[in-house]
Amino acid sequence: FHGSATEPPQFTRGYGVALGRSERKAMSVALVERALRADE
């Protein structure tokens, strides 16, 4: 994330969680969740 007029350059997060041993699901949730934060 390259920052903005009010925010310094920094990294952003994508978060995912899933029941049980579900790594592919948790990673996919984290990636899509981050993509959906584009507007905010």
Full PDB file with SEQRES, HELIX, SHEET, SSBOND, CRYST1, ORIGX, SCALE, CONECT and MASTER records, all heavy atoms in Angstrom:
SEQRES   1 A   40  PHE HIS GLY SER ALA THR GLU PRO PRO GLN PHE THR ARG          
SEQRES   2 A   40  GLY TYR GLY VAL ALA LEU GLY ARG SER GLU ARG LYS ALA          
SEQRES   3 A   40  MET SER VAL ALA LEU VAL GLU ARG ALA LEU ARG ALA ASP          
SEQRES   4 A   40  GLU                                                          
HELIX    1 AA1 GLU A   23  ALA A   35  1                                  13    
CRYST1    1.000    1.000    1.000  90.00  90.00  90.00 P 1           1          
ORIGX1      1.000000  0.000000  0.000000        0.00000                         
ORIGX2      0.000000  1.000000  0.000000        0.00000                         
ORIGX3      0.000000  0.000000  1.000000        0.00000                         
SCALE1      1.000000  0.000000  0.000000        0.00000                         
SCALE2      0.000000  1.000000  0.000000        0.00000                         
SCALE3      0.000000  0.000000  1.000000        0.00000                         
ATOM      1  N   PHE A   1       0.865  -1.175   0.000  1.00  0.00           N  
ATOM      2  CA  PHE A   1       0.000   0.000   0.000  1.00  0.00           C  
ATOM      3  C   PHE A   1       0.898   1.221   0.000  1.00  0.00           C  
ATOM      4  O   PHE A   1       1.801   1.323   0.833  1.00  0.00           O  
ATOM      5  CB  PHE A   1      -0.897  -0.010   1.240  1.00  0.00           C  
ATOM      6  CG  PHE A   1      -1.779   1.208   1.359  1.00  0.00           C  
ATOM      7  CD1 PHE A   1      -2.673   1.538   0.345  1.00  0.00           C  
ATOM      8  CD2 PHE A   1      -1.720   2.017   2.475  1.00  0.00           C  
ATOM      9  CE1 PHE A   1      -3.488   2.648   0.465  1.00  0.00           C  
ATOM     10  CE2 PHE A   1      -2.540   3.135   2.595  1.00  0.00           C  
ATOM     11  CZ  PHE A   1      -3.425   3.445   1.584  1.00  0.00           C  
ATOM     12  N   HIS A   2       0.720   2.114  -0.918  1.00  0.00           N  
ATOM     13  CA  HIS A   2       1.665   3.207  -1.107  1.00  0.00           C  
ATOM     14  C   HIS A   2       1.333   4.458  -0.298  1.00  0.00           C  
ATOM     15  O   HIS A   2       2.017   5.452  -0.411  1.00  0.00           O  
ATOM     16  CB  HIS A   2       1.769   3.562  -2.595  1.00  0.00           C  
ATOM     17  CG  HIS A   2       2.241   2.413  -3.426  1.00  0.00           C  
ATOM     18  ND1 HIS A   2       3.490   1.865  -3.282  1.00  0.00           N  
ATOM     19  CD2 HIS A   2       1.613   1.692  -4.393  1.00  0.00           C  
ATOM     20  CE1 HIS A   2       3.629   0.849  -4.133  1.00  0.00           C  
ATOM     21  NE2 HIS A   2       2.506   0.730  -4.814  1.00  0.00           N  
ATOM     22  N   GLY A   3       0.291   4.391   0.505  1.00  0.00           N  
ATOM     23  CA  GLY A   3      -0.044   5.543   1.324  1.00  0.00           C  
ATOM     24  C   GLY A   3      -0.961   6.515   0.608  1.00  0.00           C  
ATOM     25  O   GLY A   3      -1.382   6.310  -0.530  1.00  0.00           O  
ATOM     26  N   SER A   4      -1.295   7.589   1.317  1.00  0.00           N  
ATOM     27  CA  SER A   4      -2.197   8.600   0.768  1.00  0.00           C  
ATOM     28  C   SER A   4      -1.825   9.950   1.370  1.00  0.00           C  
ATOM     29  O   SER A   4      -0.802  10.086   2.034  1.00  0.00           O  
ATOM     30  CB  SER A   4      -3.649   8.243   1.117  1.00  0.00           C  
ATOM     31  OG  SER A   4      -3.839   8.312   2.528  1.00  0.00           O  
ATOM     32  N   ALA A   5      -2.689  10.945   1.157  1.00  0.00           N  
ATOM     33  CA  ALA A   5      -2.413  12.275   1.693  1.00  0.00           C  
ATOM     34  C   ALA A   5      -2.440  12.281   3.214  1.00  0.00           C  
ATOM     35  O   ALA A   5      -1.792  13.112   3.854  1.00  0.00           O  
ATOM     36  CB  ALA A   5      -3.436  13.272   1.144  1.00  0.00           C  
ATOM     37  N   THR A   6      -3.204  11.351   3.792  1.00  0.00           N  
ATOM     38  CA  THR A   6      -3.332  11.316   5.256  1.00  0.00           C  
ATOM     39  C   THR A   6      -2.613  10.141   5.890  1.00  0.00           C  
ATOM     40  O   THR A   6      -2.427  10.124   7.103  1.00  0.00           O  
ATOM     41  CB  THR A   6      -4.818  11.256   5.649  1.00  0.00           C  
ATOM     42  OG1 THR A   6      -5.421  10.101   5.042  1.00  0.00           O  
ATOM     43  CG2 THR A   6      -5.548  12.502   5.176  1.00  0.00           C  
ATOM     44  N   GLU A   7      -2.220   9.145   5.100  1.00  0.00           N  
ATOM     45  CA  GLU A   7      -1.590   7.950   5.640  1.00  0.00           C  
ATOM     46  C   GLU A   7      -0.176   7.797   5.081  1.00  0.00           C  
ATOM     47  O   GLU A   7       0.038   7.967   3.876  1.00  0.00           O  
ATOM     48  CB  GLU A   7      -2.399   6.701   5.284  1.00  0.00           C  
ATOM     49  CG  GLU A   7      -3.782   6.653   5.924  1.00  0.00           C  
ATOM     50  CD  GLU A   7      -3.718   6.413   7.411  1.00  0.00           C  
ATOM     51  OE1 GLU A   7      -2.672   5.926   7.903  1.00  0.00           O  
ATOM     52  OE2 GLU A   7      -4.714   6.719   8.104  1.00  0.00           O  
ATOM     53  N   PRO A   8       0.797   7.466   5.912  1.00  0.00           N  
ATOM     54  CA  PRO A   8       2.156   7.238   5.414  1.00  0.00           C  
ATOM     55  C   PRO A   8       2.226   5.914   4.663  1.00  0.00           C  
ATOM     56  O   PRO A   8       1.352   5.049   4.830  1.00  0.00           O  
ATOM     57  CB  PRO A   8       2.987   7.186   6.695  1.00  0.00           C  
ATOM     58  CG  PRO A   8       2.032   6.690   7.738  1.00  0.00           C  
ATOM     59  CD  PRO A   8       0.699   7.282   7.367  1.00  0.00           C  
ATOM     60  N   PRO A   9       3.227   5.712   3.833  1.00  0.00           N  
ATOM     61  CA  PRO A   9       3.379   4.417   3.160  1.00  0.00           C  
ATOM     62  C   PRO A   9       3.473   3.289   4.192  1.00  0.00           C  
ATOM     63  O   PRO A   9       4.207   3.396   5.180  1.00  0.00           O  
ATOM     64  CB  PRO A   9       4.690   4.569   2.388  1.00  0.00           C  
ATOM     65  CG  PRO A   9       4.825   6.036   2.182  1.00  0.00           C  
ATOM     66  CD  PRO A   9       4.261   6.666   3.418  1.00  0.00           C  
ATOM     67  N   GLN A  10       2.714   2.255   3.967  1.00  0.00           N  
ATOM     68  CA  GLN A  10       2.688   1.133   4.905  1.00  0.00           C  
ATOM     69  C   GLN A  10       2.099  -0.088   4.217  1.00  0.00           C  
ATOM     70  O   GLN A  10       1.536  -0.004   3.132  1.00  0.00           O  
ATOM     71  CB  GLN A  10       1.850   1.481   6.135  1.00  0.00           C  
ATOM     72  CG  GLN A  10       0.395   1.792   5.803  1.00  0.00           C  
ATOM     73  CD  GLN A  10      -0.420   2.192   7.019  1.00  0.00           C  
ATOM     74  OE1 GLN A  10      -0.035   1.907   8.139  1.00  0.00           O  
ATOM     75  NE2 GLN A  10      -1.549   2.846   6.805  1.00  0.00           N  
ATOM     76  N   PHE A  11       2.248  -1.224   4.875  1.00  0.00           N  
ATOM     77  CA  PHE A  11       1.604  -2.442   4.404  1.00  0.00           C  
ATOM     78  C   PHE A  11       0.163  -2.489   4.914  1.00  0.00           C  
ATOM     79  O   PHE A  11      -0.172  -1.886   5.942  1.00  0.00           O  
ATOM     80  CB  PHE A  11       2.347  -3.685   4.917  1.00  0.00           C  
ATOM     81  CG  PHE A  11       3.702  -3.898   4.303  1.00  0.00           C  
ATOM     82  CD1 PHE A  11       4.858  -3.743   5.061  1.00  0.00           C  
ATOM     83  CD2 PHE A  11       3.821  -4.281   2.982  1.00  0.00           C  
ATOM     84  CE1 PHE A  11       6.104  -3.948   4.507  1.00  0.00           C  
ATOM     85  CE2 PHE A  11       5.071  -4.494   2.408  1.00  0.00           C  
ATOM     86  CZ  PHE A  11       6.215  -4.323   3.179  1.00  0.00           C  
ATOM     87  N   THR A  12      -0.680  -3.219   4.189  1.00  0.00           N  
ATOM     88  CA  THR A  12      -2.042  -3.475   4.651  1.00  0.00           C  
ATOM     89  C   THR A  12      -2.224  -4.972   4.848  1.00  0.00           C  
ATOM     90  O   THR A  12      -1.384  -5.772   4.436  1.00  0.00           O  
ATOM     91  CB  THR A  12      -3.075  -2.955   3.638  1.00  0.00           C  
ATOM     92  OG1 THR A  12      -2.789  -3.519   2.352  1.00  0.00           O  
ATOM     93  CG2 THR A  12      -3.042  -1.447   3.544  1.00  0.00           C  
ATOM     94  N   ARG A  13      -3.319  -5.327   5.467  1.00  0.00           N  
ATOM     95  CA  ARG A  13      -3.564  -6.728   5.819  1.00  0.00           C  
ATOM     96  C   ARG A  13      -4.789  -7.272   5.087  1.00  0.00           C  
ATOM     97  O   ARG A  13      -5.745  -6.545   4.813  1.00  0.00           O  
ATOM     98  CB  ARG A  13      -3.836  -6.883   7.322  1.00  0.00           C  
ATOM     99  CG  ARG A  13      -2.790  -6.315   8.248  1.00  0.00           C  
ATOM    100  CD  ARG A  13      -3.272  -6.440   9.683  1.00  0.00           C  
ATOM    101  NE  ARG A  13      -2.419  -5.731  10.625  1.00  0.00           N  
ATOM    102  CZ  ARG A  13      -1.757  -6.315  11.629  1.00  0.00           C  
ATOM    103  NH1 ARG A  13      -1.858  -7.611  11.811  1.00  0.00           N  
ATOM    104  NH2 ARG A  13      -1.028  -5.602  12.462  1.00  0.00           N  
ATOM    105  N   GLY A  14      -4.746  -8.573   4.850  1.00  0.00           N  
ATOM    106  CA  GLY A  14      -5.928  -9.326   4.471  1.00  0.00           C  
ATOM    107  C   GLY A  14      -6.072 -10.437   5.492  1.00  0.00           C  
ATOM    108  O   GLY A  14      -5.078 -11.091   5.831  1.00  0.00           O  
ATOM    109  N   TYR A  15      -7.271 -10.636   6.011  1.00  0.00           N  
ATOM    110  CA  TYR A  15      -7.463 -11.590   7.112  1.00  0.00           C  
ATOM    111  C   TYR A  15      -8.404 -12.705   6.686  1.00  0.00           C  
ATOM    112  O   TYR A  15      -9.422 -12.469   6.037  1.00  0.00           O  
ATOM    113  CB  TYR A  15      -8.028 -10.877   8.338  1.00  0.00           C  
ATOM    114  CG  TYR A  15      -8.249 -11.798   9.517  1.00  0.00           C  
ATOM    115  CD1 TYR A  15      -7.186 -12.191  10.322  1.00  0.00           C  
ATOM    116  CD2 TYR A  15      -9.518 -12.295   9.803  1.00  0.00           C  
ATOM    117  CE1 TYR A  15      -7.374 -13.051  11.393  1.00  0.00           C  
ATOM    118  CE2 TYR A  15      -9.720 -13.145  10.873  1.00  0.00           C  
ATOM    119  CZ  TYR A  15      -8.648 -13.519  11.673  1.00  0.00           C  
ATOM    120  OH  TYR A  15      -8.841 -14.383  12.723  1.00  0.00           O  
ATOM    121  N   GLY A  16      -8.041 -13.927   7.086  1.00  0.00           N  
ATOM    122  CA  GLY A  16      -8.912 -15.071   6.819  1.00  0.00           C  
ATOM    123  C   GLY A  16      -8.870 -16.059   7.965  1.00  0.00           C  
ATOM    124  O   GLY A  16      -7.839 -16.215   8.622  1.00  0.00           O  
ATOM    125  N   VAL A  17      -9.983 -16.718   8.213  1.00  0.00           N  
ATOM    126  CA  VAL A  17     -10.055 -17.744   9.250  1.00  0.00           C  
ATOM    127  C   VAL A  17     -11.005 -18.823   8.761  1.00  0.00           C  
ATOM    128  O   VAL A  17     -11.902 -18.570   7.957  1.00  0.00           O  
ATOM    129  CB  VAL A  17     -10.534 -17.136  10.595  1.00  0.00           C  
ATOM    130  CG1 VAL A  17     -11.992 -16.701  10.507  1.00  0.00           C  
ATOM    131  CG2 VAL A  17     -10.335 -18.108  11.754  1.00  0.00           C  
ATOM    132  N   ALA A  18     -10.787 -20.049   9.215  1.00  0.00           N  
ATOM    133  CA  ALA A  18     -11.633 -21.167   8.797  1.00  0.00           C  
ATOM    134  C   ALA A  18     -11.655 -22.213   9.894  1.00  0.00           C  
ATOM    135  O   ALA A  18     -10.717 -22.308  10.701  1.00  0.00           O  
ATOM    136  CB  ALA A  18     -11.128 -21.777   7.490  1.00  0.00           C  
ATOM    137  N   LEU A  19     -12.722 -22.983   9.935  1.00  0.00           N  
ATOM    138  CA  LEU A  19     -12.841 -24.058  10.914  1.00  0.00           C  
ATOM    139  C   LEU A  19     -11.939 -25.216  10.522  1.00  0.00           C  
ATOM    140  O   LEU A  19     -11.818 -25.556   9.342  1.00  0.00           O  
ATOM    141  CB  LEU A  19     -14.289 -24.539  11.004  1.00  0.00           C  
ATOM    142  CG  LEU A  19     -15.350 -23.493  11.341  1.00  0.00           C  
ATOM    143  CD1 LEU A  19     -16.728 -24.131  11.399  1.00  0.00           C  
ATOM    144  CD2 LEU A  19     -15.041 -22.807  12.655  1.00  0.00           C  
ATOM    145  N   GLY A  20     -11.324 -25.846  11.528  1.00  0.00           N  
ATOM    146  CA  GLY A  20     -10.510 -27.028  11.277  1.00  0.00           C  
ATOM    147  C   GLY A  20      -9.222 -26.705  10.552  1.00  0.00           C  
ATOM    148  O   GLY A  20      -8.717 -25.592  10.576  1.00  0.00           O  
ATOM    149  N   ARG A  21      -8.697 -27.728   9.872  1.00  0.00           N  
ATOM    150  CA  ARG A  21      -7.463 -27.573   9.089  1.00  0.00           C  
ATOM    151  C   ARG A  21      -7.854 -27.227   7.654  1.00  0.00           C  
ATOM    152  O   ARG A  21      -8.080 -28.106   6.832  1.00  0.00           O  
ATOM    153  CB  ARG A  21      -6.641 -28.868   9.135  1.00  0.00           C  
ATOM    154  CG  ARG A  21      -6.170 -29.241  10.539  1.00  0.00           C  
ATOM    155  CD  ARG A  21      -5.440 -30.566  10.543  1.00  0.00           C  
ATOM    156  NE  ARG A  21      -5.023 -30.951  11.890  1.00  0.00           N  
ATOM    157  CZ  ARG A  21      -5.781 -31.601  12.768  1.00  0.00           C  
ATOM    158  NH1 ARG A  21      -7.022 -31.944  12.422  1.00  0.00           N  
ATOM    159  NH2 ARG A  21      -5.324 -31.903  13.960  1.00  0.00           N  
ATOM    160  N   SER A  22      -7.941 -25.951   7.390  1.00  0.00           N  
ATOM    161  CA  SER A  22      -8.469 -25.480   6.104  1.00  0.00           C  
ATOM    162  C   SER A  22      -7.598 -24.338   5.593  1.00  0.00           C  
ATOM    163  O   SER A  22      -8.053 -23.194   5.484  1.00  0.00           O  
ATOM    164  CB  SER A  22      -9.931 -25.033   6.254  1.00  0.00           C  
ATOM    165  OG  SER A  22     -10.721 -26.027   6.857  1.00  0.00           O  
ATOM    166  N   GLU A  23      -6.345 -24.644   5.288  1.00  0.00           N  
ATOM    167  CA  GLU A  23      -5.391 -23.596   4.911  1.00  0.00           C  
ATOM    168  C   GLU A  23      -5.764 -22.917   3.604  1.00  0.00           C  
ATOM    169  O   GLU A  23      -5.699 -21.697   3.483  1.00  0.00           O  
ATOM    170  CB  GLU A  23      -3.987 -24.196   4.821  1.00  0.00           C  
ATOM    171  CG  GLU A  23      -3.454 -24.671   6.151  1.00  0.00           C  
ATOM    172  CD  GLU A  23      -2.019 -25.166   6.054  1.00  0.00           C  
ATOM    173  OE1 GLU A  23      -1.420 -25.076   4.958  1.00  0.00           O  
ATOM    174  OE2 GLU A  23      -1.498 -25.648   7.075  1.00  0.00           O  
ATOM    175  N   ARG A  24      -6.131 -23.708   2.605  1.00  0.00           N  
ATOM    176  CA  ARG A  24      -6.478 -23.134   1.296  1.00  0.00           C  
ATOM    177  C   ARG A  24      -7.653 -22.169   1.445  1.00  0.00           C  
ATOM    178  O   ARG A  24      -7.680 -21.094   0.839  1.00  0.00           O  
ATOM    179  CB  ARG A  24      -6.808 -24.273   0.335  1.00  0.00           C  
ATOM    180  CG  ARG A  24      -6.997 -23.853  -1.107  1.00  0.00           C  
ATOM    181  CD  ARG A  24      -7.010 -25.070  -2.003  1.00  0.00           C  
ATOM    182  NE  ARG A  24      -7.925 -26.101  -1.528  1.00  0.00           N  
ATOM    183  CZ  ARG A  24      -7.578 -27.370  -1.294  1.00  0.00           C  
ATOM    184  NH1 ARG A  24      -6.340 -27.767  -1.510  1.00  0.00           N  
ATOM    185  NH2 ARG A  24      -8.469 -28.249  -0.861  1.00  0.00           N  
ATOM    186  N   LYS A  25      -8.618 -22.548   2.269  1.00  0.00           N  
ATOM    187  CA  LYS A  25      -9.792 -21.696   2.482  1.00  0.00           C  
ATOM    188  C   LYS A  25      -9.401 -20.416   3.216  1.00  0.00           C  
ATOM    189  O   LYS A  25      -9.786 -19.308   2.809  1.00  0.00           O  
ATOM    190  CB  LYS A  25     -10.825 -22.472   3.294  1.00  0.00           C  
ATOM    191  CG  LYS A  25     -12.080 -21.681   3.702  1.00  0.00           C  
ATOM    192  CD  LYS A  25     -12.905 -21.307   2.490  1.00  0.00           C  
ATOM    193  CE  LYS A  25     -14.221 -20.649   2.911  1.00  0.00           C  
ATOM    194  NZ  LYS A  25     -15.151 -21.596   3.524  1.00  0.00           N  
ATOM    195  N   ALA A  26      -8.633 -20.537   4.296  1.00  0.00           N  
ATOM    196  CA  ALA A  26      -8.254 -19.360   5.070  1.00  0.00           C  
ATOM    197  C   ALA A  26      -7.427 -18.388   4.224  1.00  0.00           C  
ATOM    198  O   ALA A  26      -7.612 -17.164   4.293  1.00  0.00           O  
ATOM    199  CB  ALA A  26      -7.473 -19.776   6.311  1.00  0.00           C  
ATOM    200  N   MET A  27      -6.505 -18.912   3.406  1.00  0.00           N  
ATOM    201  CA  MET A  27      -5.693 -18.053   2.542  1.00  0.00           C  
ATOM    202  C   MET A  27      -6.557 -17.364   1.488  1.00  0.00           C  
ATOM    203  O   MET A  27      -6.383 -16.169   1.206  1.00  0.00           O  
ATOM    204  CB  MET A  27      -4.596 -18.880   1.881  1.00  0.00           C  
ATOM    205  CG  MET A  27      -3.548 -19.409   2.841  1.00  0.00           C  
ATOM    206  SD  MET A  27      -2.322 -20.465   2.039  1.00  0.00           S  
ATOM    207  CE  MET A  27      -1.382 -19.239   1.111  1.00  0.00           C  
ATOM    208  N   SER A  28      -7.490 -18.098   0.913  1.00  0.00           N  
ATOM    209  CA  SER A  28      -8.372 -17.513  -0.102  1.00  0.00           C  
ATOM    210  C   SER A  28      -9.232 -16.415   0.496  1.00  0.00           C  
ATOM    211  O   SER A  28      -9.426 -15.356  -0.118  1.00  0.00           O  
ATOM    212  CB  SER A  28      -9.254 -18.603  -0.720  1.00  0.00           C  
ATOM    213  OG  SER A  28      -8.483 -19.573  -1.396  1.00  0.00           O  
ATOM    214  N   VAL A  29      -9.754 -16.653   1.697  1.00  0.00           N  
ATOM    215  CA  VAL A  29     -10.555 -15.629   2.373  1.00  0.00           C  
ATOM    216  C   VAL A  29      -9.722 -14.378   2.599  1.00  0.00           C  
ATOM    217  O   VAL A  29     -10.177 -13.254   2.347  1.00  0.00           O  
ATOM    218  CB  VAL A  29     -11.106 -16.164   3.706  1.00  0.00           C  
ATOM    219  CG1 VAL A  29     -11.724 -15.028   4.534  1.00  0.00           C  
ATOM    220  CG2 VAL A  29     -12.149 -17.250   3.473  1.00  0.00           C  
ATOM    221  N   ALA A  30      -8.475 -14.551   3.054  1.00  0.00           N  
ATOM    222  CA  ALA A  30      -7.613 -13.407   3.327  1.00  0.00           C  
ATOM    223  C   ALA A  30      -7.332 -12.598   2.061  1.00  0.00           C  
ATOM    224  O   ALA A  30      -7.339 -11.362   2.084  1.00  0.00           O  
ATOM    225  CB  ALA A  30      -6.298 -13.881   3.948  1.00  0.00           C  
ATOM    226  N   LEU A  31      -7.100 -13.273   0.950  1.00  0.00           N  
ATOM    227  CA  LEU A  31      -6.798 -12.578  -0.304  1.00  0.00           C  
ATOM    228  C   LEU A  31      -8.016 -11.844  -0.848  1.00  0.00           C  
ATOM    229  O   LEU A  31      -7.922 -10.703  -1.293  1.00  0.00           O  
ATOM    230  CB  LEU A  31      -6.280 -13.592  -1.332  1.00  0.00           C  
ATOM    231  CG  LEU A  31      -4.883 -14.149  -1.057  1.00  0.00           C  
ATOM    232  CD1 LEU A  31      -4.614 -15.377  -1.918  1.00  0.00           C  
ATOM    233  CD2 LEU A  31      -3.819 -13.090  -1.297  1.00  0.00           C  
ATOM    234  N   VAL A  32      -9.183 -12.502  -0.811  1.00  0.00           N  
ATOM    235  CA  VAL A  32     -10.401 -11.864  -1.323  1.00  0.00           C  
ATOM    236  C   VAL A  32     -10.834 -10.738  -0.386  1.00  0.00           C  
ATOM    237  O   VAL A  32     -11.279  -9.670  -0.833  1.00  0.00           O  
ATOM    238  CB  VAL A  32     -11.524 -12.909  -1.493  1.00  0.00           C  
ATOM    239  CG1 VAL A  32     -12.823 -12.233  -1.920  1.00  0.00           C  
ATOM    240  CG2 VAL A  32     -11.120 -13.948  -2.530  1.00  0.00           C  
ATOM    241  N   GLU A  33     -10.671 -10.964   0.923  1.00  0.00           N  
ATOM    242  CA  GLU A  33     -11.043  -9.931   1.899  1.00  0.00           C  
ATOM    243  C   GLU A  33     -10.250  -8.662   1.664  1.00  0.00           C  
ATOM    244  O   GLU A  33     -10.778  -7.553   1.731  1.00  0.00           O  
ATOM    245  CB  GLU A  33     -10.809 -10.469   3.307  1.00  0.00           C  
ATOM    246  CG  GLU A  33     -11.450  -9.628   4.408  1.00  0.00           C  
ATOM    247  CD  GLU A  33     -10.530  -8.565   4.972  1.00  0.00           C  
ATOM    248  OE1 GLU A  33      -9.306  -8.761   4.960  1.00  0.00           O  
ATOM    249  OE2 GLU A  33     -11.040  -7.520   5.430  1.00  0.00           O  
ATOM    250  N   ARG A  34      -8.971  -8.816   1.365  1.00  0.00           N  
ATOM    251  CA  ARG A  34      -8.144  -7.635   1.081  1.00  0.00           C  
ATOM    252  C   ARG A  34      -8.588  -6.947  -0.205  1.00  0.00           C  
ATOM    253  O   ARG A  34      -8.641  -5.711  -0.280  1.00  0.00           O  
ATOM    254  CB  ARG A  34      -6.668  -8.042   0.992  1.00  0.00           C  
ATOM    255  CG  ARG A  34      -5.723  -6.942   0.523  1.00  0.00           C  
ATOM    256  CD  ARG A  34      -5.791  -5.703   1.402  1.00  0.00           C  
ATOM    257  NE  ARG A  34      -4.911  -4.643   0.916  1.00  0.00           N  
ATOM    258  CZ  ARG A  34      -5.235  -3.779  -0.034  1.00  0.00           C  
ATOM    259  NH1 ARG A  34      -6.423  -3.857  -0.617  1.00  0.00           N  
ATOM    260  NH2 ARG A  34      -4.384  -2.845  -0.403  1.00  0.00           N  
ATOM    261  N   ALA A  35      -8.918  -7.725  -1.226  1.00  0.00           N  
ATOM    262  CA  ALA A  35      -9.376  -7.128  -2.483  1.00  0.00           C  
ATOM    263  C   ALA A  35     -10.649  -6.314  -2.277  1.00  0.00           C  
ATOM    264  O   ALA A  35     -10.830  -5.255  -2.894  1.00  0.00           O  
ATOM    265  CB  ALA A  35      -9.606  -8.229  -3.523  1.00  0.00           C  
ATOM    266  N   LEU A  36     -11.527  -6.783  -1.383  1.00  0.00           N  
ATOM    267  CA  LEU A  36     -12.789  -6.088  -1.144  1.00  0.00           C  
ATOM    268  C   LEU A  36     -12.620  -4.807  -0.330  1.00  0.00           C  
ATOM    269  O   LEU A  36     -13.565  -4.036  -0.188  1.00  0.00           O  
ATOM    270  CB  LEU A  36     -13.765  -7.023  -0.416  1.00  0.00           C  
ATOM    271  CG  LEU A  36     -14.289  -8.205  -1.231  1.00  0.00           C  
ATOM    272  CD1 LEU A  36     -15.177  -9.100  -0.378  1.00  0.00           C  
ATOM    273  CD2 LEU A  36     -15.058  -7.725  -2.453  1.00  0.00           C  
ATOM    274  N   ARG A  37     -11.430  -4.567   0.190  1.00  0.00           N  
ATOM    275  CA  ARG A  37     -11.174  -3.353   0.959  1.00  0.00           C  
ATOM    276  C   ARG A  37     -10.705  -2.206   0.066  1.00  0.00           C  
ATOM    277  O   ARG A  37     -10.348  -1.142   0.564  1.00  0.00           O  
ATOM    278  CB  ARG A  37     -10.127  -3.633   2.040  1.00  0.00           C  
ATOM    279  CG  ARG A  37     -10.565  -4.664   3.076  1.00  0.00           C  
ATOM    280  CD  ARG A  37      -9.500  -4.829   4.151  1.00  0.00           C  
ATOM    281  NE  ARG A  37      -9.282  -3.561   4.836  1.00  0.00           N  
ATOM    282  CZ  ARG A  37      -8.130  -3.223   5.419  1.00  0.00           C  
ATOM    283  NH1 ARG A  37      -7.092  -4.044   5.366  1.00  0.00           N  
ATOM    284  NH2 ARG A  37      -8.013  -2.069   6.039  1.00  0.00           N  
ATOM    285  N   ALA A  38     -10.697  -2.412  -1.234  1.00  0.00           N  
ATOM    286  CA  ALA A  38     -10.158  -1.414  -2.161  1.00  0.00           C  
ATOM    287  C   ALA A  38     -10.815  -0.056  -1.969  1.00  0.00           C  
ATOM    288  O   ALA A  38     -10.133   0.977  -1.890  1.00  0.00           O  
ATOM    289  CB  ALA A  38     -10.331  -1.894  -3.602  1.00  0.00           C  
ATOM    290  N   ASP A  39     -12.129  -0.020  -1.883  1.00  0.00           N  
ATOM    291  CA  ASP A  39     -12.844   1.252  -1.802  1.00  0.00           C  
ATOM    292  C   ASP A  39     -12.498   1.995  -0.523  1.00  0.00           C  
ATOM    293  O   ASP A  39     -12.211   3.202  -0.545  1.00  0.00           O  
ATOM    294  CB  ASP A  39     -14.352   1.003  -1.888  1.00  0.00           C  
ATOM    295  CG  ASP A  39     -15.124   2.296  -2.027  1.00  0.00           C  
ATOM    296  OD1 ASP A  39     -14.778   3.112  -2.896  1.00  0.00           O  
ATOM    297  OD2 ASP A  39     -16.074   2.505  -1.243  1.00  0.00           O  
ATOM    298  N   GLU A  40     -12.484   1.306   0.620  1.00  0.00           N  
ATOM    299  CA  GLU A  40     -12.217   1.989   1.889  1.00  0.00           C  
ATOM    300  C   GLU A  40     -10.763   2.430   2.013  1.00  0.00           C  
ATOM    301  O   GLU A  40     -10.443   3.301   2.822  1.00  0.00           O  
ATOM    302  CB  GLU A  40     -12.594   1.095   3.068  1.00  0.00           C  
ATOM    303  CG  GLU A  40     -11.777  -0.180   3.190  1.00  0.00           C  
ATOM    304  CD  GLU A  40     -12.396  -1.166   4.161  1.00  0.00           C  
ATOM    305  OE1 GLU A  40     -13.605  -1.450   4.036  1.00  0.00           O  
ATOM    306  OE2 GLU A  40     -11.668  -1.644   5.039  1.00  0.00           O  
TER     307      GLU A  40                                                      
MASTER        0    0    0    1    0    0    0    6  306    1    0    4          
END                                                                             
